[in-house]
Amino acid sequence: MSAEGSTKAVVAALVANLGIAVAKFVAFLFTRSSSMLAESIHSVADSGNQALLLLGQRKARQPADEEHPFGYGRSRYIAGFLVGIVLFSVGGLFSVYEGVEKLRHPHELESGVVAIVVLAFAIVLESFSFRTAIRESRHAKGPLTWWRFVREARSPELPVVLLEDLAALCGLFLALGGVGLTLLLDEPLWDAAGTLAIGILLLVVAVIVAIETYGMLVGEAAAPQTVETIRRALASAPAVTAVIHMRTLHLGPDELLVAAKIGIEPDLTAAQVAGAIDEAEALLRQAVPAARRVYLEPDILRVAAGQPAVPGAGVSPAPEGSA
């Protein structure tokens, strides 16, 4: 997943949400609709979230130093997790509170036509942002379903923007339904119900975003297909007899740490072993460019009597710490 594609989707979402937030606040001042207020706060929260994602990307580009020898790549995960917190607190909880208050104390809707026009305008802008996020995600998604892509992506920006834009579009239609039913039936409780539904929707999306980005923040291995590619690349090196065991860890969306114990032919000299490790590392980096931190430990594969060594095997017959 290219950082350029992620940045383009985030910037598109930021521009759209800023324009939508201004329009919604103006509409709220005219209509005093609780749905419009909830949607206004939602758009402000979304704009802040996109700013957080851009800040995380900028921080992640800092070079490694003595205090952070593996770099700042996880800054993007921290930003993604904060987005979930902001969406939950500023967006979801506020909308639920506002909806409950308006259910208890209904407020007559003023200038409903203005609200409908602004919501229609917001739907157009939000659709543009959502379309951009989908287009930038397609090449990274590959054959995966959209849900699997959100669950398995190791870069937080595109999944977060996709979920945010989807929630925003659904929220806009809920607000449109609440305002429309209020005008049609002259019953302000529908506006309050729309506000409450928006809040519940935002809470659900916020929990999903927080859970997914928390897993990245704690530390996740490479995707299964990437792990298999790494294993095949190492096993294809001429002097490597097997991949005894291997560990991978994402230091950032585009930076992968690989630590592996590889079986080496037993009759090699020290210089030949060093050359074999260099060759295996070169093949690995060629197959998976994101593998920027590679640590390979040579060993002699030990197998039980009568069991042939299988090149590329991922399970070690001996304990991991054995020499």
Protein backbone atom coordinates (compact mmCIF):
# COMPACT_ATOMS: atom_id res chain seq x y z
CA MET A 1 0.00 0.00 0.00
CA SER A 2 1.62 3.24 -1.13
CA ALA A 3 1.95 6.09 1.33
CA GLU A 4 1.10 8.44 -1.55
CA GLY A 5 -2.28 6.74 -2.04
CA SER A 6 -2.99 6.90 1.69
CA THR A 7 -2.11 10.60 1.82
CA LYS A 8 -4.30 11.39 -1.19
CA ALA A 9 -7.31 9.68 0.41
CA VAL A 10 -6.74 11.46 3.74
CA VAL A 11 -6.36 14.90 2.12
CA ALA A 12 -9.52 14.35 0.05
CA ALA A 13 -11.41 13.42 3.22
CA LEU A 14 -10.02 16.44 5.09
CA VAL A 15 -11.05 18.92 2.37
CA ALA A 16 -14.51 17.39 2.08
CA ASN A 17 -15.11 17.32 5.83
CA LEU A 18 -14.03 20.92 6.36
CA GLY A 19 -16.46 22.09 3.72
CA ILE A 20 -19.22 19.87 5.10
CA ALA A 21 -18.64 21.04 8.70
CA VAL A 22 -19.03 24.71 7.75
CA ALA A 23 -22.19 24.01 5.76
CA LYS A 24 -23.73 21.94 8.55
CA PHE A 25 -23.02 24.54 11.22
CA VAL A 26 -24.66 27.22 9.09
CA ALA A 27 -27.65 24.95 8.57
CA PHE A 28 -27.86 24.26 12.31
CA LEU A 29 -27.97 27.99 13.05
CA PHE A 30 -30.96 28.30 10.69
CA THR A 31 -32.81 25.11 11.64
CA ARG A 32 -31.85 24.36 15.26
CA SER A 33 -32.00 20.69 14.22
CA SER A 34 -30.32 18.31 16.67
CA SER A 35 -29.48 15.99 13.76
CA MET A 36 -27.67 18.86 12.04
CA LEU A 37 -25.78 19.68 15.23
CA ALA A 38 -24.75 16.04 15.65
CA GLU A 39 -23.63 15.91 12.02
CA SER A 40 -21.73 19.19 12.44
CA ILE A 41 -19.79 17.86 15.43
CA HIS A 42 -19.22 14.61 13.53
CA SER A 43 -17.65 16.49 10.59
CA VAL A 44 -15.45 18.57 12.91
CA ALA A 45 -14.28 15.36 14.62
CA ASP A 46 -13.60 13.76 11.22
CA SER A 47 -11.56 16.80 10.13
CA GLY A 48 -9.49 16.56 13.30
CA ASN A 49 -9.04 12.84 12.68
CA GLN A 50 -7.66 13.41 9.19
CA ALA A 51 -5.28 16.02 10.60
CA LEU A 52 -4.11 13.43 13.14
CA LEU A 53 -3.49 10.86 10.38
CA LEU A 54 -1.45 13.38 8.37
CA LEU A 55 0.54 14.30 11.49
CA GLY A 56 1.21 10.60 12.14
CA GLN A 57 2.49 10.16 8.58
CA ARG A 58 4.80 13.15 8.94
CA LYS A 59 6.16 11.92 12.27
CA ALA A 60 6.73 8.44 10.84
CA ARG A 61 9.07 9.85 8.19
CA GLN A 62 11.62 10.94 10.82
CA PRO A 63 14.87 8.96 10.53
CA ALA A 64 15.87 6.51 13.24
CA ASP A 65 18.06 7.82 16.04
CA GLU A 66 19.80 6.46 19.15
CA GLU A 67 16.67 6.60 21.29
CA HIS A 68 14.48 5.13 18.55
CA PRO A 69 16.75 2.73 16.63
CA PHE A 70 13.82 1.22 14.72
CA GLY A 71 12.46 4.59 13.66
CA TYR A 72 9.10 6.28 14.20
CA GLY A 73 6.91 4.14 11.93
CA ARG A 74 4.44 3.33 14.69
CA SER A 75 3.46 6.99 14.91
CA ARG A 76 0.92 6.17 12.19
CA TYR A 77 -0.60 3.48 14.41
CA ILE A 78 -0.81 5.87 17.35
CA ALA A 79 -2.61 8.41 15.15
CA GLY A 80 -5.04 5.74 13.96
CA PHE A 81 -5.82 4.68 17.54
CA LEU A 82 -6.40 8.31 18.58
CA VAL A 83 -8.84 8.65 15.69
CA GLY A 84 -10.93 5.87 17.21
CA ILE A 85 -10.90 7.61 20.60
CA VAL A 86 -11.89 10.98 19.11
CA LEU A 87 -14.63 9.41 16.99
CA PHE A 88 -15.99 7.61 20.07
CA SER A 89 -15.92 10.54 22.49
CA VAL A 90 -16.43 13.69 20.40
CA GLY A 91 -18.63 12.14 17.73
CA GLY A 92 -20.51 9.19 19.20
CA LEU A 93 -21.03 10.14 22.84
CA PHE A 94 -21.99 13.72 22.02
CA SER A 95 -24.55 12.59 19.42
CA VAL A 96 -26.08 10.05 21.80
CA TYR A 97 -26.31 12.71 24.53
CA GLU A 98 -27.87 15.22 22.14
CA GLY A 99 -30.36 12.63 20.85
CA VAL A 100 -31.45 11.62 24.35
CA GLU A 101 -31.85 15.26 25.38
CA LYS A 102 -34.02 16.04 22.35
CA LEU A 103 -36.13 12.93 22.98
CA ARG A 104 -36.76 14.20 26.51
CA HIS A 105 -37.24 17.81 25.44
CA PRO A 106 -38.34 17.93 21.77
CA HIS A 107 -37.48 21.11 19.85
CA GLU A 108 -39.43 22.37 16.86
CA LEU A 109 -37.49 22.28 13.58
CA GLU A 110 -36.93 25.61 11.84
CA SER A 111 -36.14 26.10 8.13
CA GLY A 112 -36.20 22.39 7.34
CA VAL A 113 -35.64 23.04 3.64
CA VAL A 114 -32.24 24.58 4.43
CA ALA A 115 -31.28 21.44 6.36
CA ILE A 116 -32.27 19.18 3.45
CA VAL A 117 -30.30 21.26 0.93
CA VAL A 118 -27.19 21.25 3.13
CA LEU A 119 -27.47 17.51 3.77
CA ALA A 120 -27.75 16.86 0.04
CA PHE A 121 -24.66 19.03 -0.53
CA ALA A 122 -22.81 17.13 2.22
CA ILE A 123 -23.76 13.77 0.67
CA VAL A 124 -22.21 14.88 -2.63
CA LEU A 125 -18.93 15.95 -0.97
CA GLU A 126 -18.79 12.87 1.25
CA SER A 127 -19.42 10.62 -1.76
CA PHE A 128 -16.44 12.24 -3.49
CA SER A 129 -14.24 11.52 -0.47
CA PHE A 130 -15.54 7.94 -0.18
CA ARG A 131 -14.96 7.34 -3.90
CA THR A 132 -11.37 8.57 -3.57
CA ALA A 133 -10.73 6.25 -0.62
CA ILE A 134 -12.18 3.28 -2.52
CA ARG A 135 -10.11 4.02 -5.63
CA GLU A 136 -6.87 4.37 -3.65
CA SER A 137 -7.62 1.15 -1.72
CA ARG A 138 -8.42 -1.14 -4.65
CA HIS A 139 -4.81 -1.92 -5.62
CA ALA A 140 -3.93 -2.72 -1.99
CA LYS A 141 -7.10 -4.73 -1.36
CA GLY A 142 -6.50 -7.18 -4.20
CA PRO A 143 -8.77 -10.24 -4.02
CA LEU A 144 -9.73 -9.60 -0.38
CA THR A 145 -13.25 -8.58 0.56
CA TRP A 146 -13.58 -5.06 1.93
CA TRP A 147 -14.11 -6.39 5.46
CA ARG A 148 -11.02 -8.61 5.21
CA PHE A 149 -9.06 -5.63 3.89
CA VAL A 150 -10.05 -3.55 6.93
CA ARG A 151 -9.13 -6.43 9.26
CA GLU A 152 -5.82 -7.39 7.64
CA ALA A 153 -4.40 -4.08 6.37
CA ARG A 154 -1.20 -3.07 8.14
CA SER A 155 -1.50 0.57 7.06
CA PRO A 156 -4.10 2.42 9.16
CA GLU A 157 -4.96 5.41 6.97
CA LEU A 158 -7.03 3.85 4.20
CA PRO A 159 -9.10 1.50 6.41
CA VAL A 160 -9.75 4.35 8.86
CA VAL A 161 -10.80 6.77 6.09
CA LEU A 162 -12.99 4.10 4.50
CA LEU A 163 -14.79 3.44 7.78
CA GLU A 164 -15.09 7.15 8.56
CA ASP A 165 -16.51 7.99 5.15
CA LEU A 166 -18.92 5.06 5.26
CA ALA A 167 -20.13 6.11 8.71
CA ALA A 168 -20.43 9.72 7.54
CA LEU A 169 -22.54 8.78 4.52
CA CYS A 170 -24.80 6.55 6.62
CA GLY A 171 -25.05 9.34 9.22
CA LEU A 172 -26.04 11.86 6.56
CA PHE A 173 -28.82 9.62 5.31
CA LEU A 174 -29.98 9.08 8.90
CA ALA A 175 -30.02 12.84 9.46
CA LEU A 176 -31.84 13.33 6.15
CA GLY A 177 -34.41 10.74 7.21
CA GLY A 178 -34.85 12.34 10.64
CA VAL A 179 -35.29 15.84 9.22
CA GLY A 180 -37.54 14.64 6.40
CA LEU A 181 -39.86 12.70 8.71
CA THR A 182 -39.98 15.65 11.09
CA LEU A 183 -41.12 17.95 8.28
CA LEU A 184 -43.50 15.39 6.83
CA LEU A 185 -45.17 14.35 10.09
CA ASP A 186 -44.61 17.56 12.05
CA GLU A 187 -43.08 15.46 14.83
CA PRO A 188 -39.69 16.65 16.20
CA LEU A 189 -39.06 13.28 17.88
CA TRP A 190 -37.95 11.93 14.48
CA ASP A 191 -35.14 14.47 14.40
CA ALA A 192 -34.06 13.37 17.87
CA ALA A 193 -34.27 9.71 16.84
CA GLY A 194 -32.03 10.44 13.84
CA THR A 195 -29.49 12.08 16.15
CA LEU A 196 -29.49 9.07 18.48
CA ALA A 197 -29.05 6.67 15.54
CA ILE A 198 -26.09 8.72 14.29
CA GLY A 199 -24.48 8.51 17.74
CA ILE A 200 -24.91 4.74 17.96
CA LEU A 201 -23.47 4.34 14.44
CA LEU A 202 -20.41 6.42 15.35
CA LEU A 203 -19.84 4.45 18.55
CA VAL A 204 -19.86 1.16 16.63
CA VAL A 205 -17.44 2.45 13.98
CA ALA A 206 -15.19 3.99 16.64
CA VAL A 207 -14.92 0.68 18.49
CA ILE A 208 -13.98 -1.13 15.25
CA VAL A 209 -11.33 1.49 14.41
CA ALA A 210 -9.88 1.40 17.93
CA ILE A 211 -9.72 -2.42 18.03
CA GLU A 212 -8.03 -2.71 14.64
CA THR A 213 -5.48 0.06 15.24
CA TYR A 214 -4.78 -1.17 18.78
CA GLY A 215 -3.69 -4.50 17.33
CA MET A 216 -1.26 -2.66 15.02
CA LEU A 217 -0.01 -0.52 17.88
CA VAL A 218 0.75 -3.51 20.11
CA GLY A 219 2.60 -5.19 17.24
CA GLU A 220 1.35 -7.42 14.45
CA ALA A 221 3.12 -9.94 12.26
CA ALA A 222 3.18 -9.61 8.50
CA ALA A 223 0.11 -10.79 6.63
CA PRO A 224 0.04 -14.59 6.03
CA GLN A 225 0.74 -14.24 2.30
CA THR A 226 3.73 -11.99 3.04
CA VAL A 227 5.08 -14.49 5.59
CA GLU A 228 4.84 -17.24 2.98
CA THR A 229 6.64 -15.07 0.41
CA ILE A 230 9.45 -14.43 2.91
CA ARG A 231 9.73 -18.13 3.70
CA ARG A 232 9.96 -19.07 0.02
CA ALA A 233 12.55 -16.36 -0.68
CA LEU A 234 14.82 -17.54 2.15
CA ALA A 235 14.42 -21.21 1.22
CA SER A 236 15.34 -20.44 -2.41
CA ALA A 237 18.88 -19.33 -1.47
CA PRO A 238 21.35 -21.94 -2.81
CA ALA A 239 23.10 -22.74 0.49
CA VAL A 240 19.95 -22.66 2.66
CA THR A 241 18.58 -26.11 3.50
CA ALA A 242 15.49 -24.97 5.43
CA VAL A 243 13.83 -22.13 7.28
CA ILE A 244 13.87 -23.52 10.81
CA HIS A 245 11.74 -20.82 12.40
CA MET A 246 10.90 -17.20 11.72
CA ARG A 247 9.32 -14.17 13.37
CA THR A 248 8.00 -11.02 11.66
CA LEU A 249 6.86 -7.72 13.14
CA HIS A 250 5.57 -4.51 11.58
CA LEU A 251 7.62 -1.57 12.86
CA GLY A 252 5.38 0.62 10.72
CA PRO A 253 3.00 0.12 7.79
CA ASP A 254 5.87 0.10 5.28
CA GLU A 255 8.64 -1.31 7.47
CA LEU A 256 8.93 -4.95 8.44
CA LEU A 257 11.32 -6.64 10.86
CA VAL A 258 12.25 -10.24 9.97
CA ALA A 259 14.20 -12.51 12.31
CA ALA A 260 14.82 -16.08 11.19
CA LYS A 261 16.96 -19.10 11.93
CA ILE A 262 17.94 -20.76 8.68
CA GLY A 263 19.52 -24.13 8.06
CA ILE A 264 22.89 -23.93 6.28
CA GLU A 265 24.83 -26.73 4.55
CA PRO A 266 27.15 -28.15 7.25
CA ASP A 267 30.37 -28.26 5.21
CA LEU A 268 30.61 -24.52 4.48
CA THR A 269 33.46 -22.34 5.71
CA ALA A 270 32.79 -19.25 7.83
CA ALA A 271 33.25 -17.02 4.77
CA GLN A 272 30.83 -19.15 2.76
CA VAL A 273 28.26 -19.02 5.58
CA ALA A 274 28.50 -15.23 5.62
CA GLY A 275 28.06 -15.19 1.84
CA ALA A 276 25.04 -17.51 2.10
CA ILE A 277 23.40 -15.21 4.65
CA ASP A 278 24.03 -12.16 2.46
CA GLU A 279 22.53 -13.94 -0.55
CA ALA A 280 19.47 -15.08 1.41
CA GLU A 281 18.96 -11.55 2.72
CA ALA A 282 19.24 -10.08 -0.79
CA LEU A 283 16.62 -12.53 -2.12
CA LEU A 284 14.34 -11.66 0.80
CA ARG A 285 14.61 -7.91 0.26
CA GLN A 286 13.97 -8.37 -3.46
CA ALA A 287 10.81 -10.39 -2.78
CA VAL A 288 9.54 -8.17 0.05
CA PRO A 289 10.94 -4.60 -0.18
CA ALA A 290 9.24 -3.66 3.12
CA ALA A 291 11.61 -6.05 4.96
CA ARG A 292 14.07 -3.32 5.96
CA ARG A 293 15.30 -4.89 9.20
CA VAL A 294 16.50 -8.45 8.61
CA TYR A 295 18.34 -10.62 11.13
CA LEU A 296 19.31 -14.12 10.00
CA GLU A 297 20.89 -16.72 12.29
CA PRO A 298 22.62 -19.68 10.60
CA ASP A 299 22.21 -23.16 12.05
CA ILE A 300 22.51 -26.78 11.02
CA LEU A 301 19.14 -28.41 10.61
CA ARG A 302 18.66 -31.39 12.90
CA VAL A 303 15.97 -33.93 12.04
CA ALA A 304 14.74 -37.04 13.76
CA ALA A 305 16.00 -40.37 12.48
CA GLY A 306 14.26 -41.39 9.28
CA GLN A 307 12.75 -37.95 8.64
CA PRO A 308 14.24 -36.04 5.69
CA ALA A 309 14.78 -32.29 5.94
CA VAL A 310 12.14 -30.34 4.06
CA PRO A 311 13.38 -27.06 2.51
CA GLY A 312 11.35 -24.10 3.70
CA ALA A 313 9.89 -25.96 6.67
CA GLY A 314 8.61 -23.55 9.26
CA VAL A 315 8.82 -25.70 12.40
CA SER A 316 12.09 -26.33 14.14
CA PRO A 317 12.81 -29.88 15.35
CA ALA A 318 15.00 -28.30 18.04
CA PRO A 319 14.12 -25.57 20.58
CA GLU A 320 14.33 -21.99 19.25
CA GLY A 321 17.25 -21.08 21.42
CA SER A 322 19.40 -24.05 20.43
CA ALA A 323 22.64 -23.42 18.63
